[in-house]
Amino acid sequence: MTNSYSYKDKYGSYSLYIENRVMRGQYIGSFGVSLAARMVKDDAKLAKVLAGKPWAYYCDMSQCEAYTPEAAALFTGLYQSGIQLGCVLDVYQINSALLRYQIGQIRQDAGILSPISQHIYTTELECLEMVSQRLDQSA
């Protein structure tokens, strides 16, 4: 099984890979249902690789605009299965106010109670420092 996936359509793209106990994702553009469905499948494959020990999800969404409502609906189950497979933290770089709202709603629908504002950081370094701290606590 591969430890990285990427895909691009005419509206957006994603790349996903594992580094240590962190699933890292970069999302660019807009996500319709077909791009989101493909990303959800690839994400689920990587989550299974990480299962068994605590892991974290770092999402660079600084170049992502938004999801269509149909695409956003696909992500709730993904978040729930990630938690079941050992994801203990999700952190983000997000510039779009709409996307912040959408991710907040997805997290809430998945039963994650902490506000999205506690998971958004300005830089990759800030995100990864938080991930490192949390994974050290969970070890």
Protein backbone atom coordinates (compact mmCIF):
# COMPACT_ATOMS: atom_id res chain seq x y z
CA MET A 1 0.00 0.00 0.00
CA THR A 2 1.30 3.43 -0.90
CA ASN A 3 1.75 6.15 1.72
CA SER A 4 0.87 9.05 -0.58
CA TYR A 5 -1.94 9.99 -2.92
CA SER A 6 -2.70 12.99 -5.08
CA TYR A 7 -5.27 13.97 -7.65
CA LYS A 8 -6.27 17.02 -9.65
CA ASP A 9 -9.36 18.01 -11.59
CA LYS A 10 -10.14 21.29 -13.34
CA TYR A 11 -11.38 22.92 -10.10
CA GLY A 12 -9.00 21.74 -7.43
CA SER A 13 -6.40 19.29 -6.24
CA TYR A 14 -5.16 17.46 -3.19
CA SER A 15 -2.09 15.63 -2.05
CA LEU A 16 -1.99 13.36 0.99
CA TYR A 17 0.94 11.63 2.60
CA ILE A 18 2.15 10.23 5.88
CA GLU A 19 5.14 11.63 7.72
CA ASN A 20 5.86 9.98 11.06
CA ARG A 21 2.46 9.74 12.82
CA VAL A 22 0.96 12.63 10.86
CA MET A 23 -1.29 12.49 7.85
CA ARG A 24 -0.50 15.63 5.90
CA GLY A 25 -2.85 17.05 3.33
CA GLN A 26 -2.62 19.98 0.96
CA TYR A 27 -5.83 21.17 -0.66
CA ILE A 28 -6.00 23.71 -3.49
CA GLY A 29 -8.98 25.31 -5.21
CA SER A 30 -12.59 24.21 -4.88
CA PHE A 31 -13.88 20.72 -4.11
CA GLY A 32 -16.89 19.28 -5.88
CA VAL A 33 -18.37 15.92 -5.05
CA SER A 34 -16.21 13.83 -7.43
CA LEU A 35 -12.90 15.28 -6.19
CA ALA A 36 -14.09 15.02 -2.58
CA ALA A 37 -15.20 11.40 -3.03
CA ARG A 38 -11.83 10.43 -4.42
CA MET A 39 -10.01 12.27 -1.63
CA VAL A 40 -12.16 10.59 1.03
CA LYS A 41 -11.22 7.15 -0.34
CA ASP A 42 -7.52 7.99 -0.42
CA ASP A 43 -7.65 9.55 3.05
CA ALA A 44 -9.35 6.43 4.44
CA LYS A 45 -6.59 4.21 3.00
CA LEU A 46 -3.91 6.29 4.73
CA ALA A 47 -5.83 6.38 8.01
CA LYS A 48 -5.80 2.58 8.06
CA VAL A 49 -1.99 2.66 7.75
CA LEU A 50 -1.82 4.90 10.85
CA ALA A 51 -4.40 2.96 12.88
CA GLY A 52 -3.30 1.38 16.12
CA LYS A 53 -1.36 4.30 17.59
CA PRO A 54 -2.36 7.93 18.14
CA TRP A 55 -1.92 10.07 15.04
CA ALA A 56 -2.77 13.57 13.87
CA TYR A 57 -4.08 15.26 10.74
CA TYR A 58 -2.42 18.42 9.43
CA CYS A 59 -4.33 20.17 6.63
CA ASP A 60 -2.79 22.96 4.60
CA MET A 61 -5.93 24.58 3.23
CA SER A 62 -4.35 27.99 2.74
CA GLN A 63 -5.04 27.77 -1.00
CA CYS A 64 -8.41 26.05 -0.76
CA GLU A 65 -11.53 28.09 -1.38
CA ALA A 66 -14.50 25.95 -0.32
CA TYR A 67 -16.43 22.72 -0.76
CA THR A 68 -19.76 22.32 -2.49
CA PRO A 69 -22.46 21.29 0.03
CA GLU A 70 -22.49 17.78 -1.48
CA ALA A 71 -18.72 17.50 -1.08
CA ALA A 72 -18.83 18.77 2.49
CA ALA A 73 -21.40 16.11 3.36
CA LEU A 74 -18.90 13.38 2.44
CA PHE A 75 -16.42 14.51 5.08
CA THR A 76 -18.47 13.90 8.24
CA GLY A 77 -18.05 10.13 8.03
CA LEU A 78 -14.37 10.56 7.23
CA TYR A 79 -13.84 12.52 10.45
CA GLN A 80 -15.75 9.92 12.47
CA SER A 81 -13.74 7.02 11.07
CA GLY A 82 -10.49 8.94 11.63
CA ILE A 83 -11.33 9.24 15.32
CA GLN A 84 -12.13 5.52 15.50
CA LEU A 85 -8.77 4.75 13.88
CA GLY A 86 -6.80 6.80 16.42
CA CYS A 87 -6.72 10.40 15.19
CA VAL A 88 -6.25 12.54 18.31
CA LEU A 89 -5.82 15.98 16.72
CA ASP A 90 -6.65 17.89 13.57
CA VAL A 91 -4.92 21.19 12.79
CA TYR A 92 -5.35 23.55 9.86
CA GLN A 93 -4.02 26.47 7.92
CA ILE A 94 -7.15 28.09 6.46
CA ASN A 95 -7.50 31.52 4.87
CA SER A 96 -11.09 31.31 3.59
CA ALA A 97 -13.81 32.36 6.05
CA LEU A 98 -16.30 30.13 4.23
CA LEU A 99 -14.00 27.13 4.49
CA ARG A 100 -13.46 27.78 8.21
CA TYR A 101 -17.19 27.70 8.68
CA GLN A 102 -17.55 24.53 6.59
CA ILE A 103 -14.80 22.67 8.46
CA GLY A 104 -16.32 23.80 11.76
CA GLN A 105 -19.70 22.39 10.71
CA ILE A 106 -18.19 19.11 9.49
CA ARG A 107 -16.35 18.68 12.79
CA GLN A 108 -19.50 19.48 14.76
CA ASP A 109 -21.58 17.02 12.69
CA ALA A 110 -18.89 14.37 13.37
CA GLY A 111 -19.26 14.91 17.13
CA ILE A 112 -16.05 16.89 17.67
CA LEU A 113 -16.84 19.43 20.36
CA SER A 114 -13.79 21.70 20.37
CA PRO A 115 -14.27 24.86 18.28
CA ILE A 116 -12.47 25.07 14.96
CA SER A 117 -10.80 28.28 16.12
CA GLN A 118 -8.68 26.22 18.53
CA HIS A 119 -7.32 24.19 15.61
CA ILE A 120 -6.34 26.90 13.12
CA TYR A 121 -2.77 28.18 12.96
CA THR A 122 -1.03 30.69 10.75
CA THR A 123 2.03 28.68 9.77
CA GLU A 124 3.01 25.10 9.08
CA LEU A 125 5.54 25.30 11.92
CA GLU A 126 2.83 26.28 14.43
CA CYS A 127 0.64 23.42 13.23
CA LEU A 128 3.40 20.86 13.49
CA GLU A 129 4.51 22.08 16.93
CA MET A 130 0.97 21.55 18.22
CA VAL A 131 0.87 18.11 16.59
CA SER A 132 4.19 17.15 18.17
CA GLN A 133 3.04 18.25 21.64
CA ARG A 134 -0.24 16.37 21.39
CA LEU A 135 1.30 13.17 20.04
CA ASP A 136 3.94 13.25 22.80
CA GLN A 137 1.11 13.52 25.37
CA SER A 138 -0.78 10.65 23.73
CA ALA A 139 2.21 8.29 23.53
